[in-house]
Amino acid sequence: MPGARPLVVLPTYNEAENLDRVLPRILADAPGFDVLVVDDASPDGTGALADAWAARSERVHVLHRPAKAGLGRAYLAGFRWGLAAQADYTHLCEMDADLSHDPADLPRLLAATRPDGADADLAIGSRYVEGGGVSGWGLGRRVLSRGGGLYAKMLLRLPVEDPTSGFRCFRRRVLESLALGDVECQGYGFQVEMTLRVVRAGFRIVEVPIHFTDRTRGTSKMTPGIAVEAALFVLRLRWRGRRPPSTTPGKGP
């Protein structure tokens, strides 16, 4: 995308087994994308490994945080770093560090924000639109993911099929316009809250089909307790009356 300067924010906690796999894939499959590894003081040495990558590649940067403080807080720290960087990044993207998101899809997400493309302000990599899918999950995890997304969509009247997806590309102006300091959720409800805030701000969201593959190395951070916490947070958003106007999926508000 001519003129684009995208940054991928990559939160990590104990992802040493995956970092040497995901970083070369991003660098090779997403030309022009820089990467910011946001490490929460991983005890397995992920932060030191990220530093070694940054020493070898000018496209890799590292933000060290003093302790594990939640996925949402890691993304917000990464967004603030990207918005303040001298590189003048035009887009800020999210993805998981475990290769469940395919780095080759990053250019597709970026392309969806082009004026001559879908003209999205936020492109979401969606598992649950035509052409998307999931592999490597058992029935329980599939039900939890799809059910959680439908629960958030219906309760908050969100115009997207996959509001919990963590594979995203924001135009810079979206994050600049949102009050990031007011974002509440620190955990997995963060994606739902950000979707709601983007919709309420009047920005256009487009879903891009992706194929999600379960991690093969390392340990998933998702637990039943985290899922319950996210569900309760969605209820709080509903109770506070934070419901966006009804819109047509893919058309924007």
C-alpha atoms as a PDB file:
ATOM      1  CA  MET A   1       0.000   0.000   0.000  1.00  0.00           C
ATOM      2  CA  PRO A   2       1.832   3.145  -1.191  1.00  0.00           C
ATOM      3  CA  GLY A   3       2.511   5.650   1.556  1.00  0.00           C
ATOM      4  CA  ALA A   4       1.497   3.295   4.363  1.00  0.00           C
ATOM      5  CA  ARG A   5       3.718   2.836   7.422  1.00  0.00           C
ATOM      6  CA  PRO A   6       2.094  -0.024   9.391  1.00  0.00           C
ATOM      7  CA  LEU A   7       3.183  -1.279  12.804  1.00  0.00           C
ATOM      8  CA  VAL A   8       2.252  -4.680  14.229  1.00  0.00           C
ATOM      9  CA  VAL A   9       1.828  -4.704  18.012  1.00  0.00           C
ATOM     10  CA  LEU A  10       2.749  -8.164  19.290  1.00  0.00           C
ATOM     11  CA  PRO A  11       2.092  -8.762  23.020  1.00  0.00           C
ATOM     12  CA  THR A  12       4.100 -11.576  24.574  1.00  0.00           C
ATOM     13  CA  TYR A  13       4.217 -13.455  27.833  1.00  0.00           C
ATOM     14  CA  ASN A  14       6.271 -16.655  27.854  1.00  0.00           C
ATOM     15  CA  GLU A  15       6.365 -16.925  24.054  1.00  0.00           C
ATOM     16  CA  ALA A  16      10.050 -17.823  23.647  1.00  0.00           C
ATOM     17  CA  GLU A  17       9.041 -20.993  21.791  1.00  0.00           C
ATOM     18  CA  ASN A  18       7.136 -18.960  19.216  1.00  0.00           C
ATOM     19  CA  LEU A  19       9.049 -15.695  18.794  1.00  0.00           C
ATOM     20  CA  ASP A  20      11.735 -17.200  16.545  1.00  0.00           C
ATOM     21  CA  ARG A  21       8.936 -18.490  14.329  1.00  0.00           C
ATOM     22  CA  VAL A  22       6.559 -15.554  14.139  1.00  0.00           C
ATOM     23  CA  LEU A  23       9.052 -12.685  13.675  1.00  0.00           C
ATOM     24  CA  PRO A  24      10.739 -14.049  10.518  1.00  0.00           C
ATOM     25  CA  ARG A  25       7.299 -14.805   9.089  1.00  0.00           C
ATOM     26  CA  ILE A  26       6.122 -11.229   9.642  1.00  0.00           C
ATOM     27  CA  LEU A  27       9.313  -9.769   8.196  1.00  0.00           C
ATOM     28  CA  ALA A  28       9.063 -11.994   5.119  1.00  0.00           C
ATOM     29  CA  ASP A  29       5.295 -12.108   4.512  1.00  0.00           C
ATOM     30  CA  ALA A  30       4.464  -8.494   5.396  1.00  0.00           C
ATOM     31  CA  PRO A  31       7.012  -6.244   3.667  1.00  0.00           C
ATOM     32  CA  GLY A  32       6.943  -2.700   4.953  1.00  0.00           C
ATOM     33  CA  PHE A  33       5.468  -3.662   8.326  1.00  0.00           C
ATOM     34  CA  ASP A  34       7.446  -2.901  11.470  1.00  0.00           C
ATOM     35  CA  VAL A  35       6.907  -4.977  14.618  1.00  0.00           C
ATOM     36  CA  LEU A  36       6.717  -3.898  18.248  1.00  0.00           C
ATOM     37  CA  VAL A  37       7.094  -6.749  20.730  1.00  0.00           C
ATOM     38  CA  VAL A  38       5.411  -5.754  24.009  1.00  0.00           C
ATOM     39  CA  ASP A  39       6.799  -8.127  26.607  1.00  0.00           C
ATOM     40  CA  ASP A  40       5.409  -8.365  30.127  1.00  0.00           C
ATOM     41  CA  ALA A  41       8.638  -9.440  31.864  1.00  0.00           C
ATOM     42  CA  SER A  42       8.315 -13.022  30.617  1.00  0.00           C
ATOM     43  CA  PRO A  43      10.228 -15.355  32.946  1.00  0.00           C
ATOM     44  CA  ASP A  44      11.110 -17.651  30.022  1.00  0.00           C
ATOM     45  CA  GLY A  45      13.395 -15.050  28.389  1.00  0.00           C
ATOM     46  CA  THR A  46      11.057 -13.852  25.651  1.00  0.00           C
ATOM     47  CA  GLY A  47      12.109 -10.240  26.266  1.00  0.00           C
ATOM     48  CA  ALA A  48      15.821 -10.968  25.827  1.00  0.00           C
ATOM     49  CA  LEU A  49      15.073 -12.904  22.657  1.00  0.00           C
ATOM     50  CA  ALA A  50      13.092  -9.946  21.328  1.00  0.00           C
ATOM     51  CA  ASP A  51      16.018  -7.642  22.114  1.00  0.00           C
ATOM     52  CA  ALA A  52      18.296  -9.893  20.076  1.00  0.00           C
ATOM     53  CA  TRP A  53      15.908  -9.635  17.131  1.00  0.00           C
ATOM     54  CA  ALA A  54      15.786  -5.843  17.462  1.00  0.00           C
ATOM     55  CA  ALA A  55      19.578  -5.727  17.346  1.00  0.00           C
ATOM     56  CA  ARG A  56      19.503  -7.611  14.032  1.00  0.00           C
ATOM     57  CA  SER A  57      16.596  -5.890  12.310  1.00  0.00           C
ATOM     58  CA  GLU A  58      15.662  -2.206  12.235  1.00  0.00           C
ATOM     59  CA  ARG A  59      12.051  -3.286  11.651  1.00  0.00           C
ATOM     60  CA  VAL A  60      11.787  -4.943  15.087  1.00  0.00           C
ATOM     61  CA  HIS A  61      11.294  -2.912  18.256  1.00  0.00           C
ATOM     62  CA  VAL A  62      10.744  -3.946  21.870  1.00  0.00           C
ATOM     63  CA  LEU A  63       8.737  -2.426  24.705  1.00  0.00           C
ATOM     64  CA  HIS A  64       9.464  -3.979  28.098  1.00  0.00           C
ATOM     65  CA  ARG A  65       6.793  -3.768  30.778  1.00  0.00           C
ATOM     66  CA  PRO A  66       7.636  -4.473  34.432  1.00  0.00           C
ATOM     67  CA  ALA A  67       5.052  -7.207  35.011  1.00  0.00           C
ATOM     68  CA  LYS A  68       2.131  -9.070  33.512  1.00  0.00           C
ATOM     69  CA  ALA A  69      -0.826  -6.675  33.552  1.00  0.00           C
ATOM     70  CA  GLY A  70      -3.312  -8.028  31.029  1.00  0.00           C
ATOM     71  CA  LEU A  71      -3.630  -8.288  27.269  1.00  0.00           C
ATOM     72  CA  GLY A  72      -5.608  -5.067  26.951  1.00  0.00           C
ATOM     73  CA  ARG A  73      -3.016  -3.034  28.810  1.00  0.00           C
ATOM     74  CA  ALA A  74      -0.263  -4.506  26.630  1.00  0.00           C
ATOM     75  CA  TYR A  75      -2.067  -3.444  23.467  1.00  0.00           C
ATOM     76  CA  LEU A  76      -2.758   0.043  24.814  1.00  0.00           C
ATOM     77  CA  ALA A  77       0.918   0.471  25.729  1.00  0.00           C
ATOM     78  CA  GLY A  78       1.845  -0.649  22.224  1.00  0.00           C
ATOM     79  CA  PHE A  79      -0.638   1.743  20.616  1.00  0.00           C
ATOM     80  CA  ARG A  80       0.712   4.666  22.619  1.00  0.00           C
ATOM     81  CA  TRP A  81       4.265   3.746  21.658  1.00  0.00           C
ATOM     82  CA  GLY A  82       3.287   3.552  17.992  1.00  0.00           C
ATOM     83  CA  LEU A  83       1.415   6.857  18.008  1.00  0.00           C
ATOM     84  CA  ALA A  84       4.391   8.608  19.642  1.00  0.00           C
ATOM     85  CA  ALA A  85       7.066   7.026  17.429  1.00  0.00           C
ATOM     86  CA  GLN A  86       9.019   9.233  15.045  1.00  0.00           C
ATOM     87  CA  ALA A  87       8.291   6.754  12.271  1.00  0.00           C
ATOM     88  CA  ASP A  88       4.830   8.322  11.861  1.00  0.00           C
ATOM     89  CA  TYR A  89       3.009   5.017  11.563  1.00  0.00           C
ATOM     90  CA  THR A  90      -0.182   5.302   9.521  1.00  0.00           C
ATOM     91  CA  HIS A  91      -1.707   2.027  10.722  1.00  0.00           C
ATOM     92  CA  LEU A  92      -1.438   0.014  13.927  1.00  0.00           C
ATOM     93  CA  CYS A  93      -2.204  -3.698  13.829  1.00  0.00           C
ATOM     94  CA  GLU A  94      -2.793  -6.408  16.419  1.00  0.00           C
ATOM     95  CA  MET A  95      -1.970 -10.087  16.205  1.00  0.00           C
ATOM     96  CA  ASP A  96      -1.130 -13.050  18.425  1.00  0.00           C
ATOM     97  CA  ALA A  97       2.467 -14.203  18.815  1.00  0.00           C
ATOM     98  CA  ASP A  98       1.688 -17.929  18.534  1.00  0.00           C
ATOM     99  CA  LEU A  99       1.072 -18.073  14.749  1.00  0.00           C
ATOM    100  CA  SER A 100      -2.640 -18.680  15.212  1.00  0.00           C
ATOM    101  CA  HIS A 101      -2.902 -15.604  12.988  1.00  0.00           C
ATOM    102  CA  ASP A 102      -1.169 -15.967   9.627  1.00  0.00           C
ATOM    103  CA  PRO A 103       1.309 -13.104   9.040  1.00  0.00           C
ATOM    104  CA  ALA A 104       0.598 -13.424   5.315  1.00  0.00           C
ATOM    105  CA  ASP A 105      -2.867 -11.980   6.039  1.00  0.00           C
ATOM    106  CA  LEU A 106      -1.445  -8.693   7.320  1.00  0.00           C
ATOM    107  CA  PRO A 107      -1.257  -7.129   3.831  1.00  0.00           C
ATOM    108  CA  ARG A 108      -4.887  -8.152   3.245  1.00  0.00           C
ATOM    109  CA  LEU A 109      -5.993  -6.361   6.400  1.00  0.00           C
ATOM    110  CA  LEU A 110      -4.015  -3.297   5.403  1.00  0.00           C
ATOM    111  CA  ALA A 111      -5.488  -3.381   1.891  1.00  0.00           C
ATOM    112  CA  ALA A 112      -9.002  -3.358   3.368  1.00  0.00           C
ATOM    113  CA  THR A 113      -8.295   0.138   4.730  1.00  0.00           C
ATOM    114  CA  ARG A 114      -7.406   1.535   1.306  1.00  0.00           C
ATOM    115  CA  PRO A 115      -9.797   4.102  -0.192  1.00  0.00           C
ATOM    116  CA  ASP A 116      -9.776   2.010  -3.382  1.00  0.00           C
ATOM    117  CA  GLY A 117     -10.423  -1.140  -1.345  1.00  0.00           C
ATOM    118  CA  ALA A 118     -13.024  -1.597   1.382  1.00  0.00           C
ATOM    119  CA  ASP A 119     -12.141   1.835   2.839  1.00  0.00           C
ATOM    120  CA  ALA A 120     -12.259   0.502   6.403  1.00  0.00           C
ATOM    121  CA  ASP A 121     -11.170   2.519   9.396  1.00  0.00           C
ATOM    122  CA  LEU A 122     -10.806  -0.781  11.243  1.00  0.00           C
ATOM    123  CA  ALA A 123     -10.257  -4.077   9.437  1.00  0.00           C
ATOM    124  CA  ILE A 124     -10.964  -7.146  11.574  1.00  0.00           C
ATOM    125  CA  GLY A 125      -9.625 -10.569  10.634  1.00  0.00           C
ATOM    126  CA  SER A 126     -12.797 -12.618  11.028  1.00  0.00           C
ATOM    127  CA  ARG A 127     -13.192 -16.344  11.552  1.00  0.00           C
ATOM    128  CA  TYR A 128     -16.957 -16.180  11.181  1.00  0.00           C
ATOM    129  CA  VAL A 129     -17.664 -14.540   7.840  1.00  0.00           C
ATOM    130  CA  GLU A 130     -17.788 -16.380   4.522  1.00  0.00           C
ATOM    131  CA  GLY A 131     -14.301 -17.640   3.696  1.00  0.00           C
ATOM    132  CA  GLY A 132     -13.119 -17.645   7.313  1.00  0.00           C
ATOM    133  CA  GLY A 133     -12.600 -20.638   9.581  1.00  0.00           C
ATOM    134  CA  VAL A 134     -10.861 -22.293  12.515  1.00  0.00           C
ATOM    135  CA  SER A 135      -8.728 -25.423  12.764  1.00  0.00           C
ATOM    136  CA  GLY A 136      -7.183 -27.250  15.701  1.00  0.00           C
ATOM    137  CA  TRP A 137      -9.946 -26.542  18.212  1.00  0.00           C
ATOM    138  CA  GLY A 138     -12.189 -29.076  19.885  1.00  0.00           C
ATOM    139  CA  LEU A 139     -15.941 -28.647  20.109  1.00  0.00           C
ATOM    140  CA  GLY A 140     -15.807 -26.936  23.511  1.00  0.00           C
ATOM    141  CA  ARG A 141     -13.396 -24.223  22.388  1.00  0.00           C
ATOM    142  CA  ARG A 142     -15.373 -23.660  19.186  1.00  0.00           C
ATOM    143  CA  VAL A 143     -18.609 -23.224  21.132  1.00  0.00           C
ATOM    144  CA  LEU A 144     -16.909 -20.890  23.615  1.00  0.00           C
ATOM    145  CA  SER A 145     -15.464 -18.702  20.861  1.00  0.00           C
ATOM    146  CA  ARG A 146     -18.475 -18.552  18.564  1.00  0.00           C
ATOM    147  CA  GLY A 147     -20.931 -18.311  21.436  1.00  0.00           C
ATOM    148  CA  GLY A 148     -18.940 -15.552  23.109  1.00  0.00           C
ATOM    149  CA  GLY A 149     -18.840 -13.555  19.895  1.00  0.00           C
ATOM    150  CA  LEU A 150     -22.572 -13.904  19.281  1.00  0.00           C
ATOM    151  CA  TYR A 151     -23.284 -13.023  22.924  1.00  0.00           C
ATOM    152  CA  ALA A 152     -21.313  -9.765  22.622  1.00  0.00           C
ATOM    153  CA  LYS A 153     -22.756  -8.972  19.197  1.00  0.00           C
ATOM    154  CA  MET A 154     -26.368  -9.425  20.294  1.00  0.00           C
ATOM    155  CA  LEU A 155     -26.084  -7.836  23.738  1.00  0.00           C
ATOM    156  CA  LEU A 156     -24.242  -4.750  22.486  1.00  0.00           C
ATOM    157  CA  ARG A 157     -25.782  -4.688  19.006  1.00  0.00           C
ATOM    158  CA  LEU A 158     -22.376  -4.779  17.334  1.00  0.00           C
ATOM    159  CA  PRO A 159     -22.322  -4.859  13.517  1.00  0.00           C
ATOM    160  CA  VAL A 160     -19.616  -7.556  13.288  1.00  0.00           C
ATOM    161  CA  GLU A 161     -19.575 -11.338  13.356  1.00  0.00           C
ATOM    162  CA  ASP A 162     -16.274 -11.747  15.205  1.00  0.00           C
ATOM    163  CA  PRO A 163     -16.016  -8.983  17.831  1.00  0.00           C
ATOM    164  CA  THR A 164     -13.550 -11.016  19.929  1.00  0.00           C
ATOM    165  CA  SER A 165     -10.977 -11.391  17.149  1.00  0.00           C
ATOM    166  CA  GLY A 166      -7.501 -10.176  18.073  1.00  0.00           C
ATOM    167  CA  PHE A 167      -6.295  -9.819  14.474  1.00  0.00           C
ATOM    168  CA  ARG A 168      -6.905  -6.201  13.470  1.00  0.00           C
ATOM    169  CA  CYS A 169      -5.651  -3.197  11.545  1.00  0.00           C
ATOM    170  CA  PHE A 170      -6.575   0.307  12.716  1.00  0.00           C
ATOM    171  CA  ARG A 171      -6.094   3.486  10.786  1.00  0.00           C
ATOM    172  CA  ARG A 172      -4.039   5.835  12.924  1.00  0.00           C
ATOM    173  CA  ARG A 173      -6.834   8.404  13.113  1.00  0.00           C
ATOM    174  CA  VAL A 174      -9.113   5.900  14.853  1.00  0.00           C
ATOM    175  CA  LEU A 175      -6.782   5.368  17.791  1.00  0.00           C
ATOM    176  CA  GLU A 176      -5.961   9.074  17.941  1.00  0.00           C
ATOM    177  CA  SER A 177      -9.642   9.925  18.263  1.00  0.00           C
ATOM    178  CA  LEU A 178     -10.471   7.382  20.961  1.00  0.00           C
ATOM    179  CA  ALA A 179      -9.824   8.168  24.611  1.00  0.00           C
ATOM    180  CA  LEU A 180      -7.440   5.272  25.160  1.00  0.00           C
ATOM    181  CA  GLY A 181      -7.057   6.219  28.808  1.00  0.00           C
ATOM    182  CA  ASP A 182     -10.751   5.460  29.320  1.00  0.00           C
ATOM    183  CA  VAL A 183     -10.533   1.877  28.005  1.00  0.00           C
ATOM    184  CA  GLU A 184     -11.394  -0.294  30.979  1.00  0.00           C
ATOM    185  CA  CYS A 185     -10.896  -3.948  30.169  1.00  0.00           C
ATOM    186  CA  GLN A 186      -7.468  -5.405  30.832  1.00  0.00           C
ATOM    187  CA  GLY A 187      -8.209  -8.928  29.589  1.00  0.00           C
ATOM    188  CA  TYR A 188      -9.934 -10.666  26.696  1.00  0.00           C
ATOM    189  CA  GLY A 189     -12.959  -8.377  26.802  1.00  0.00           C
ATOM    190  CA  PHE A 190     -10.634  -5.672  25.462  1.00  0.00           C
ATOM    191  CA  GLN A 191     -11.396  -6.573  21.843  1.00  0.00           C
ATOM    192  CA  VAL A 192     -15.145  -6.259  22.420  1.00  0.00           C
ATOM    193  CA  GLU A 193     -14.756  -2.930  24.198  1.00  0.00           C
ATOM    194  CA  MET A 194     -12.567  -1.531  21.420  1.00  0.00           C
ATOM    195  CA  THR A 195     -15.067  -2.691  18.792  1.00  0.00           C
ATOM    196  CA  LEU A 196     -17.860  -0.945  20.671  1.00  0.00           C
ATOM    197  CA  ARG A 197     -15.862   2.256  21.031  1.00  0.00           C
ATOM    198  CA  VAL A 198     -14.974   2.290  17.318  1.00  0.00           C
ATOM    199  CA  VAL A 199     -18.617   1.791  16.332  1.00  0.00           C
ATOM    200  CA  ARG A 200     -19.857   4.480  18.710  1.00  0.00           C
ATOM    201  CA  ALA A 201     -17.275   6.908  17.328  1.00  0.00           C
ATOM    202  CA  GLY A 202     -18.804   6.480  13.872  1.00  0.00           C
ATOM    203  CA  PHE A 203     -15.923   4.705  12.142  1.00  0.00           C
ATOM    204  CA  ARG A 204     -16.321   2.129   9.409  1.00  0.00           C
ATOM    205  CA  ILE A 205     -15.529  -1.515  10.267  1.00  0.00           C
ATOM    206  CA  VAL A 206     -14.984  -4.213   7.650  1.00  0.00           C
ATOM    207  CA  GLU A 207     -14.372  -7.903   8.357  1.00  0.00           C
ATOM    208  CA  VAL A 208     -11.770  -9.751   6.304  1.00  0.00           C
ATOM    209  CA  PRO A 209     -12.031 -13.568   6.279  1.00  0.00           C
ATOM    210  CA  ILE A 210      -9.080 -15.356   7.894  1.00  0.00           C
ATOM    211  CA  HIS A 211      -8.273 -18.931   8.835  1.00  0.00           C
ATOM    212  CA  PHE A 212      -7.349 -19.249  12.502  1.00  0.00           C
ATOM    213  CA  THR A 213      -5.043 -22.133  13.476  1.00  0.00           C
ATOM    214  CA  ASP A 214      -4.630 -23.162  17.110  1.00  0.00           C
ATOM    215  CA  ARG A 215      -1.160 -22.775  18.576  1.00  0.00           C
ATOM    216  CA  THR A 216       1.178 -25.755  18.373  1.00  0.00           C
ATOM    217  CA  ARG A 217       3.764 -24.484  20.866  1.00  0.00           C
ATOM    218  CA  GLY A 218       3.495 -22.796  24.230  1.00  0.00           C
ATOM    219  CA  THR A 219       0.447 -22.590  26.453  1.00  0.00           C
ATOM    220  CA  SER A 220      -2.822 -20.820  25.736  1.00  0.00           C
ATOM    221  CA  LYS A 221      -3.635 -17.984  28.122  1.00  0.00           C
ATOM    222  CA  MET A 222      -7.397 -18.612  27.804  1.00  0.00           C
ATOM    223  CA  THR A 223      -9.060 -20.215  30.830  1.00  0.00           C
ATOM    224  CA  PRO A 224     -12.721 -20.661  31.864  1.00  0.00           C
ATOM    225  CA  GLY A 225     -12.202 -17.936  34.456  1.00  0.00           C
ATOM    226  CA  ILE A 226     -10.994 -15.482  31.810  1.00  0.00           C
ATOM    227  CA  ALA A 227     -14.007 -16.323  29.633  1.00  0.00           C
ATOM    228  CA  VAL A 228     -16.401 -15.676  32.542  1.00  0.00           C
ATOM    229  CA  GLU A 229     -14.644 -12.404  33.336  1.00  0.00           C
ATOM    230  CA  ALA A 230     -15.058 -11.257  29.718  1.00  0.00           C
ATOM    231  CA  ALA A 231     -18.745 -12.232  29.690  1.00  0.00           C
ATOM    232  CA  LEU A 232     -19.405 -10.250  32.879  1.00  0.00           C
ATOM    233  CA  PHE A 233     -17.589  -7.269  31.422  1.00  0.00           C
ATOM    234  CA  VAL A 234     -19.870  -7.334  28.368  1.00  0.00           C
ATOM    235  CA  LEU A 235     -22.847  -7.284  30.738  1.00  0.00           C
ATOM    236  CA  ARG A 236     -21.405  -4.210  32.452  1.00  0.00           C
ATOM    237  CA  LEU A 237     -21.093  -2.463  29.107  1.00  0.00           C
ATOM    238  CA  ARG A 238     -24.734  -3.237  28.377  1.00  0.00           C
ATOM    239  CA  TRP A 239     -25.915  -2.070  31.787  1.00  0.00           C
ATOM    240  CA  ARG A 240     -24.150   1.252  31.300  1.00  0.00           C
ATOM    241  CA  GLY A 241     -26.135   1.837  28.151  1.00  0.00           C
ATOM    242  CA  ARG A 242     -23.141   1.740  25.824  1.00  0.00           C
ATOM    243  CA  ARG A 243     -25.100   0.455  22.865  1.00  0.00           C
ATOM    244  CA  PRO A 244     -24.181   1.653  19.367  1.00  0.00           C
ATOM    245  CA  PRO A 245     -26.903   2.388  16.815  1.00  0.00           C
ATOM    246  CA  SER A 246     -27.930  -0.532  14.639  1.00  0.00           C
ATOM    247  CA  THR A 247     -25.843  -0.692  11.447  1.00  0.00           C
ATOM    248  CA  THR A 248     -25.433  -3.020   8.502  1.00  0.00           C
ATOM    249  CA  PRO A 249     -22.385  -5.328   8.793  1.00  0.00           C
ATOM    250  CA  GLY A 250     -19.640  -4.280   6.408  1.00  0.00           C
ATOM    251  CA  LYS A 251     -21.346  -0.960   5.571  1.00  0.00           C
ATOM    252  CA  GLY A 252     -20.147   1.057   8.544  1.00  0.00           C
ATOM    253  CA  PRO A 253     -22.260   3.358  10.723  1.00  0.00           C
END
